[in-house]
Protein backbone atom coordinates (compact mmCIF):
# COMPACT_ATOMS: atom_id res chain seq x y z
CA MET A 1 15.82 5.91 36.65
CA LYS A 2 16.72 4.62 33.05
CA ALA A 3 16.00 7.61 31.26
CA MET A 4 18.19 9.45 33.71
CA LEU A 5 20.79 6.85 33.20
CA GLN A 6 20.33 7.23 29.14
CA LYS A 7 21.12 10.88 29.33
CA LEU A 8 24.07 10.64 31.07
CA ALA A 9 25.08 7.69 29.16
CA LEU A 10 25.16 9.44 25.78
CA PRO A 11 27.90 11.90 26.21
CA ALA A 12 30.14 8.95 27.63
CA LEU A 13 29.18 6.97 24.59
CA HIS A 14 30.32 9.79 22.39
CA LEU A 15 33.80 9.89 24.11
CA LEU A 16 34.37 6.64 22.17
CA PRO A 17 34.52 5.37 18.22
CA PRO A 18 31.22 5.43 17.21
CA GLU A 19 31.53 1.63 16.33
CA ALA A 20 33.07 0.89 19.57
CA ALA A 21 29.78 3.14 20.94
CA HIS A 22 27.18 1.29 18.84
CA ALA A 23 28.56 -2.11 20.40
CA LEU A 24 28.35 -1.19 24.01
CA ALA A 25 24.96 0.19 23.45
CA LEU A 26 23.73 -2.95 22.21
CA ARG A 27 25.25 -4.83 25.15
CA ALA A 28 23.39 -2.04 27.44
CA LEU A 29 20.11 -3.00 25.74
CA ARG A 30 20.68 -6.89 25.98
CA LEU A 31 21.64 -6.31 30.16
CA GLY A 32 18.16 -4.11 30.44
CA LEU A 33 19.67 -0.75 30.99
CA ALA A 34 17.66 0.91 28.68
CA PRO A 35 14.02 2.42 29.07
CA MET A 36 11.79 -0.32 27.95
CA PRO A 37 8.15 1.17 28.25
CA GLY A 38 6.62 -1.78 26.12
CA PRO A 39 5.27 -0.74 22.06
CA VAL A 40 3.32 2.94 22.80
CA ASN A 41 -0.41 1.74 21.76
CA THR A 42 -3.32 4.19 21.44
CA PRO A 43 -6.54 3.83 19.19
CA ARG A 44 -4.85 7.00 17.08
CA LEU A 45 -1.58 5.19 16.46
CA ALA A 46 -2.89 1.44 15.91
CA CYS A 47 -2.48 0.84 12.50
CA THR A 48 -2.20 -1.97 9.64
CA LEU A 49 1.08 -2.32 7.42
CA ALA A 50 0.88 -4.51 4.57
CA GLY A 51 -1.34 -6.94 6.70
CA LEU A 52 0.63 -6.40 9.62
CA SER A 53 -1.32 -4.99 12.80
CA LEU A 54 1.25 -2.32 14.54
CA PRO A 55 0.78 -0.85 18.10
CA ASN A 56 2.15 2.58 16.38
CA PRO A 57 3.96 3.52 12.90
CA ILE A 58 7.15 4.30 14.50
CA GLY A 59 9.89 1.61 13.31
CA LEU A 60 13.48 1.09 14.24
CA ALA A 61 15.22 0.76 10.40
CA ALA A 62 18.07 -1.98 9.66
CA GLY A 63 21.36 -1.73 10.82
CA PHE A 64 20.88 -0.81 14.31
CA ASP A 65 21.02 -4.50 15.20
CA LYS A 66 22.38 -6.21 12.43
CA ASN A 67 22.83 -9.55 13.97
CA ALA A 68 19.59 -9.70 15.92
CA VAL A 69 21.37 -9.85 19.19
CA ALA A 70 18.86 -7.70 21.03
CA VAL A 71 15.69 -8.73 19.79
CA ALA A 72 13.56 -8.62 22.62
CA PRO A 73 14.99 -5.92 24.30
CA LEU A 74 14.17 -3.65 21.28
CA LEU A 75 10.92 -4.73 20.79
CA ARG A 76 10.15 -3.26 23.84
CA THR A 77 11.82 0.16 23.98
CA GLY A 78 8.59 1.70 22.17
CA PHE A 79 8.75 0.95 18.53
CA GLY A 80 5.92 -0.45 16.73
CA TYR A 81 8.13 -2.78 14.59
CA VAL A 82 12.18 -3.65 14.44
CA GLU A 83 14.00 -4.55 11.38
CA PHE A 84 16.97 -6.50 11.79
CA GLY A 85 20.04 -7.14 9.21
CA ALA A 86 20.95 -6.86 6.57
CA ALA A 87 21.71 -10.72 6.36
CA THR A 88 23.71 -12.08 3.86
CA PRO A 89 24.21 -16.03 2.93
CA ARG A 90 27.39 -16.40 4.59
CA ALA A 91 29.29 -14.08 7.34
CA GLN A 92 31.32 -11.60 6.21
CA PRO A 93 33.30 -8.67 7.85
CA GLY A 94 32.37 -5.93 5.87
CA ASN A 95 34.91 -3.00 4.75
CA PRO A 96 37.71 -2.13 7.00
CA LYS A 97 37.41 0.37 9.75
CA PRO A 98 37.20 2.93 10.85
CA ARG A 99 33.59 2.73 8.70
CA LEU A 100 31.15 4.52 10.63
CA PHE A 101 31.71 8.26 11.41
CA ARG A 102 29.46 11.01 13.63
CA LEU A 103 28.82 14.20 11.74
CA ALA A 104 27.61 16.45 15.21
CA PRO A 105 27.19 19.60 13.41
CA ASP A 106 25.16 17.85 11.22
CA ALA A 107 23.06 15.84 13.20
CA ALA A 108 24.03 12.79 10.67
CA ALA A 109 26.33 10.04 10.28
CA ILE A 110 28.34 8.37 7.05
CA ASN A 111 28.90 4.65 7.16
CA ARG A 112 30.46 2.34 4.84
CA PHE A 113 30.24 -1.01 6.72
CA GLY A 114 29.54 -3.30 3.97
CA PHE A 115 27.00 -5.54 5.15
CA ASN A 116 29.02 -6.73 7.81
CA ASN A 117 27.38 -9.83 9.70
CA ASP A 118 27.45 -13.06 11.37
CA GLY A 119 25.48 -14.87 8.24
CA MET A 120 22.04 -16.11 7.83
CA LYS A 121 22.15 -19.41 9.85
CA ALA A 122 23.28 -17.32 12.96
CA ILE A 123 20.75 -14.74 12.60
CA ALA A 124 18.02 -16.94 12.19
CA ARG A 125 18.81 -18.92 15.11
CA ARG A 126 18.43 -15.82 17.02
CA LEU A 127 15.02 -14.77 15.42
CA ALA A 128 13.95 -18.39 15.95
CA LYS A 129 13.35 -17.57 19.81
CA PRO A 130 9.85 -16.34 21.21
CA ARG A 131 9.26 -13.17 20.98
CA ALA A 132 6.32 -10.37 21.32
CA GLY A 133 6.19 -7.72 18.48
CA ILE A 134 6.63 -7.36 14.83
CA ALA A 135 10.07 -8.20 13.52
CA GLY A 136 11.72 -8.16 10.05
CA ILE A 137 14.89 -9.00 8.42
CA ASN A 138 16.78 -6.85 5.71
CA LEU A 139 17.94 -8.94 2.92
CA GLY A 140 21.40 -8.63 1.49
CA ALA A 141 24.02 -10.13 -0.81
CA ASN A 142 27.52 -10.95 -0.48
CA LYS A 143 30.05 -8.56 -1.60
CA ASP A 144 31.83 -11.62 -3.47
CA SER A 145 28.84 -13.19 -4.72
CA GLU A 146 28.37 -14.66 -8.25
CA ASN A 147 24.85 -14.34 -7.79
CA ARG A 148 23.72 -11.40 -6.01
CA ALA A 149 20.15 -11.55 -7.12
CA GLY A 150 19.69 -15.23 -5.59
CA ASP A 151 21.38 -14.39 -2.56
CA PHE A 152 18.18 -12.46 -1.72
CA ALA A 153 16.02 -15.44 -2.24
CA ARG A 154 18.42 -17.75 -0.06
CA VAL A 155 18.36 -15.35 2.80
CA LEU A 156 14.44 -15.08 2.39
CA THR A 157 13.84 -18.77 2.42
CA HIS A 158 16.28 -19.55 5.50
CA ILE A 159 15.20 -16.61 7.90
CA GLY A 160 11.94 -16.10 6.65
CA PRO A 161 9.76 -18.79 8.74
CA TYR A 162 10.99 -16.58 11.94
CA VAL A 163 10.05 -13.18 10.77
CA ASP A 164 6.77 -11.12 10.09
CA PHE A 165 8.26 -9.28 7.09
CA ALA A 166 11.38 -8.94 4.91
CA THR A 167 12.81 -6.21 3.05
CA VAL A 168 14.98 -6.41 -0.13
CA ASN A 169 17.95 -3.90 0.21
CA VAL A 170 19.71 -3.14 -3.01
CA SER A 171 20.16 0.30 -2.45
CA SER A 172 22.86 0.20 0.10
CA PRO A 173 25.80 2.56 -1.51
CA ASN A 174 28.58 0.28 0.60
CA THR A 175 28.50 -2.87 -1.98
CA GLU A 176 30.32 -2.19 -5.39
CA ARG A 177 27.54 -2.12 -8.07
CA LEU A 178 24.90 -3.28 -5.70
CA ARG A 179 22.85 -0.09 -6.70
CA ASP A 180 22.83 -1.52 -10.41
CA LEU A 181 20.10 -3.86 -9.27
CA GLN A 182 17.75 -1.05 -9.30
CA GLY A 183 17.21 -1.01 -12.80
CA LYS A 184 14.16 -2.35 -14.29
CA ALA A 185 15.09 -5.45 -15.93
CA ALA A 186 17.49 -6.36 -13.18
CA LEU A 187 15.24 -5.42 -10.28
CA GLY A 188 12.12 -7.34 -11.82
CA ALA A 189 14.08 -10.63 -11.98
CA LEU A 190 15.55 -10.19 -8.77
CA LEU A 191 11.95 -9.70 -6.91
CA LEU A 192 10.61 -12.62 -9.08
CA GLY A 193 13.13 -14.71 -7.38
CA VAL A 194 12.28 -13.27 -4.20
CA MET A 195 8.48 -13.89 -4.33
CA GLU A 196 9.15 -17.34 -5.80
CA ALA A 197 11.06 -17.88 -2.47
CA ARG A 198 7.97 -16.42 -0.21
CA SER A 199 5.56 -18.87 -1.78
CA SER A 200 7.81 -21.80 -0.44
CA LEU A 201 7.69 -20.24 3.15
CA PRO A 202 5.13 -21.45 5.68
CA ARG A 203 3.37 -18.33 5.78
CA PRO A 204 3.22 -15.53 2.91
CA ILE A 205 5.01 -12.54 4.93
CA PRO A 206 5.04 -8.98 3.55
CA ILE A 207 8.05 -8.08 1.17
CA PHE A 208 9.23 -4.70 0.95
CA LEU A 209 11.62 -3.00 -1.36
CA LYS A 210 14.16 -0.25 -0.12
CA ILE A 211 15.42 2.15 -2.37
CA ALA A 212 17.95 4.91 -2.83
CA PRO A 213 16.98 8.46 -2.49
CA ASP A 214 19.52 9.18 -5.35
CA LEU A 215 17.14 8.68 -8.10
CA ASP A 216 15.19 10.67 -10.77
CA GLU A 217 11.55 10.75 -11.50
CA SER A 218 12.23 8.39 -14.24
CA GLU A 219 14.16 5.89 -12.35
CA LEU A 220 11.42 5.92 -9.41
CA ALA A 221 8.51 5.34 -12.21
CA GLN A 222 10.71 1.89 -13.35
CA ILE A 223 11.04 1.00 -9.99
CA VAL A 224 7.20 1.30 -9.02
CA ASP A 225 6.27 -0.70 -12.17
CA ALA A 226 8.69 -3.43 -11.15
CA ALA A 227 7.20 -3.54 -7.52
CA ILE A 228 3.54 -3.56 -8.60
CA THR A 229 4.36 -6.17 -11.46
CA THR A 230 6.01 -8.44 -9.01
CA GLY A 231 3.27 -8.26 -6.29
CA VAL A 232 6.12 -6.49 -3.63
CA SER A 233 3.96 -5.39 -0.73
CA GLY A 234 5.42 -1.90 -0.24
CA ILE A 235 8.36 0.30 -1.01
CA ILE A 236 10.76 1.88 1.82
CA ALA A 237 11.97 5.34 0.73
CA THR A 238 14.67 5.76 1.67
CA ASN A 239 18.33 4.27 2.59
CA THR A 240 21.52 6.73 2.73
CA THR A 241 22.61 9.18 0.14
CA LEU A 242 25.91 10.12 -1.77
CA ASP A 243 24.91 13.55 -1.63
CA ARG A 244 26.92 15.78 0.62
CA GLN A 245 25.23 19.09 -0.05
CA GLY A 246 25.47 21.81 3.05
CA LEU A 247 27.45 19.63 5.67
CA HIS A 248 29.33 21.07 8.02
CA SER A 249 31.11 18.31 9.85
CA ALA A 250 34.93 17.56 9.15
CA PHE A 251 34.02 14.01 8.29
CA ALA A 252 31.79 15.32 5.69
CA ASN A 253 33.94 13.81 2.68
CA GLU A 254 34.22 10.42 4.08
CA VAL A 255 33.20 7.81 1.52
CA GLY A 256 29.93 5.99 2.40
CA GLY A 257 26.05 6.38 3.06
CA LEU A 258 24.97 9.45 4.65
CA SER A 259 21.89 9.20 7.10
CA GLY A 260 20.27 11.36 9.56
CA GLN A 261 19.10 15.38 9.42
CA PRO A 262 20.54 16.27 6.26
CA LEU A 263 18.63 13.48 4.36
CA PHE A 264 15.17 14.50 5.81
CA GLU A 265 14.38 16.81 3.01
CA LYS A 266 15.69 14.53 0.12
CA SER A 267 14.03 11.28 1.28
CA THR A 268 10.77 13.18 1.81
CA ARG A 269 10.70 14.38 -1.60
CA VAL A 270 11.17 10.99 -3.15
CA LEU A 271 8.54 9.64 -0.55
CA ALA A 272 5.95 12.15 -2.04
CA GLN A 273 6.96 11.44 -5.40
CA LEU A 274 6.26 7.58 -4.69
CA SER A 275 3.03 8.17 -3.03
CA LYS A 276 1.95 10.19 -6.64
CA LEU A 277 3.33 7.28 -8.48
CA THR A 278 1.71 4.35 -6.74
CA ASN A 279 -1.51 6.11 -5.88
CA GLY A 280 -2.24 3.97 -3.26
CA ALA A 281 -1.38 0.68 -4.92
CA MET A 282 0.87 -0.28 -2.33
CA PRO A 283 1.79 1.15 1.42
CA LEU A 284 4.95 3.30 1.91
CA ILE A 285 7.38 3.25 4.58
CA GLY A 286 9.36 6.98 5.11
CA VAL A 287 12.94 6.66 6.31
CA GLY A 288 15.53 9.42 6.64
CA GLY A 289 16.15 12.35 8.83
CA VAL A 290 13.35 11.63 11.33
CA GLY A 291 14.34 12.58 14.62
CA SER A 292 11.14 14.04 16.02
CA ALA A 293 7.33 13.55 16.07
CA GLU A 294 6.67 16.73 13.81
CA GLN A 295 9.29 15.05 11.27
CA ALA A 296 7.38 11.71 11.74
CA PHE A 297 4.01 13.29 11.16
CA ALA A 298 5.43 15.26 8.02
CA LYS A 299 6.68 11.67 6.27
CA ILE A 300 3.15 10.37 7.14
CA ARG A 301 1.36 13.49 5.16
CA ALA A 302 4.16 13.23 2.68
CA GLY A 303 2.53 9.62 1.91
CA ALA A 304 4.24 6.96 4.51
CA SER A 305 1.89 4.82 6.28
CA ALA A 306 4.54 4.00 8.67
CA VAL A 307 8.20 5.65 9.48
CA GLN A 308 11.63 3.97 10.53
CA LEU A 309 14.52 5.85 12.17
CA TYR A 310 17.95 5.04 13.03
CA THR A 311 20.83 8.12 13.37
CA ALA A 312 18.54 10.15 15.50
CA LEU A 313 19.14 7.44 18.49
CA VAL A 314 22.95 8.38 18.32
CA TYR A 315 22.03 11.72 19.07
CA LYS A 316 18.81 11.31 21.69
CA GLY A 317 19.02 7.76 23.00
CA ILE A 318 16.86 4.64 22.27
CA GLY A 319 13.94 6.33 24.32
CA LEU A 320 13.37 8.35 21.39
CA ALA A 321 11.20 5.87 19.96
CA ALA A 322 8.44 6.12 22.83
CA GLU A 323 8.87 9.98 22.79
CA ILE A 324 8.16 10.39 18.96
CA ALA A 325 5.13 7.79 19.22
CA HIS A 326 3.64 10.09 22.07
CA GLY A 327 4.13 13.27 20.48
CA LEU A 328 2.78 11.92 16.92
CA ASP A 329 -0.29 10.89 18.89
CA ALA A 330 -0.66 14.44 20.07
CA LEU A 331 -0.41 15.64 16.84
CA LEU A 332 -2.87 13.75 15.37
CA ALA A 333 -5.11 14.69 17.75
CA THR A 334 -4.34 18.78 17.33
CA ASN A 335 -4.80 18.16 13.78
CA GLY A 336 -8.34 16.34 14.27
CA PHE A 337 -7.10 12.78 12.98
CA ASN A 338 -8.74 9.91 14.66
CA ASN A 339 -6.16 7.28 13.29
CA VAL A 340 -2.79 7.73 11.95
CA ALA A 341 -4.17 5.99 8.52
CA ASP A 342 -6.54 9.05 8.15
CA ALA A 343 -3.28 11.43 7.87
CA VAL A 344 -1.54 9.41 5.27
CA GLY A 345 -0.76 11.60 1.97
CA THR A 346 -2.87 14.64 3.08
CA GLY A 347 0.10 16.99 2.80
CA ARG A 348 1.53 15.04 -0.32
CA ASP A 349 1.51 18.02 -2.49
CA GLU A 350 3.86 20.22 -0.12
CA PHE A 351 6.76 18.02 -0.54
CA LEU A 352 6.66 17.38 -4.13
C-alpha cells in the first residue's frame, strides 16, 4: 500500500517547487507514509566499513536530511546507513531561493543551498535520541567563519558523541573558497584538527573525507597522502560537480553543484583512480549517479566498499534503497560473489 502511495505521490511532488517538495517528502517520512521495510540484510550484503558493521552497503548521502528531523524513519527505509547534515557550528539560512533545480531530462539536479541548517546544537539534540541503525554526520563550516578549518572540529566535538561516523566536507561548491581547503597543506592542517577533536570523544568514530570530482590525478594523489598521513578512515568520492557537459535541461546553466546521472561516469573514474592510489590502504565510498543496482555494483567493482545515493530518490522515490539492495544481492550471486567485500575493486581497470 505504501509503495503504491509513493508511486502516486512522486508525480504530485514534481508539481511543486523542488525545495517545497523535498520538505513535504521529509514530513511524509516523519508521519510514517513511506515504505519502511527496515535495512535489507543478507549474508552477501552484510559488510564492514571502517569498523562499522553494515547490514548492506547502500547508504543515504548527506543533504537529504540536513537537520536530522527524520532519523528513525530513514533508518527503516532499506538503507544500510544514513548520513545527516551538513551541520555548521551556528545555524545559517544558506543562499537565496530558488536554490534547487530538477533537471528531469538528465535525471539530475543542481543545488546551491550553501550549508543551510539549524546548527550543531539543534542537530545534536535530535541525533542524541535512541535509534536503531548506523547514522553519521557531515561536518561543515559557517560561510562567515574566520576559522573554517576550526569549524569542522567544533561540530565534531559537539555532535560526535551521538553518531557512528563523521564526514569532513571540503568539497561543496556552494560555499565560497571552501574547495580551497582540498589543497595538501590546508587539508593536512584541517584534518589534524579534526583528528585531535576525535580523540576527545567518548569513542573514536571513523572519520571520512568527502572530495570533489573536479580534481586531476596530481590533486587526488595529494589528497590521498594527506588522508593517510593524518589517519583518516576513508574517502567519499564524490560530491557534486561544476561540469555541465552533455546536459539537456533548461536549468543546465544554473549556478551550483550538479548531481545525478550525468555525474556517474566522472565520479566512478575518480573512485577508480583513488582505488589505485590508495591500494587498499583505506576504504572508499562511491557516490554520484547511483540510481540502480547495476550502478551500485559498478561503483563497488571500481573500488568502493560501500555506496551512497540521493538525487535518484527525487525520480524514483524512497523505496529505491531497498530495491537497489535486493538487486545488488542478486547481481553478487549471479557473478559468483559470496559477499560484497569480495567484489570490491574487481573491475577497477575498466573505469581508469
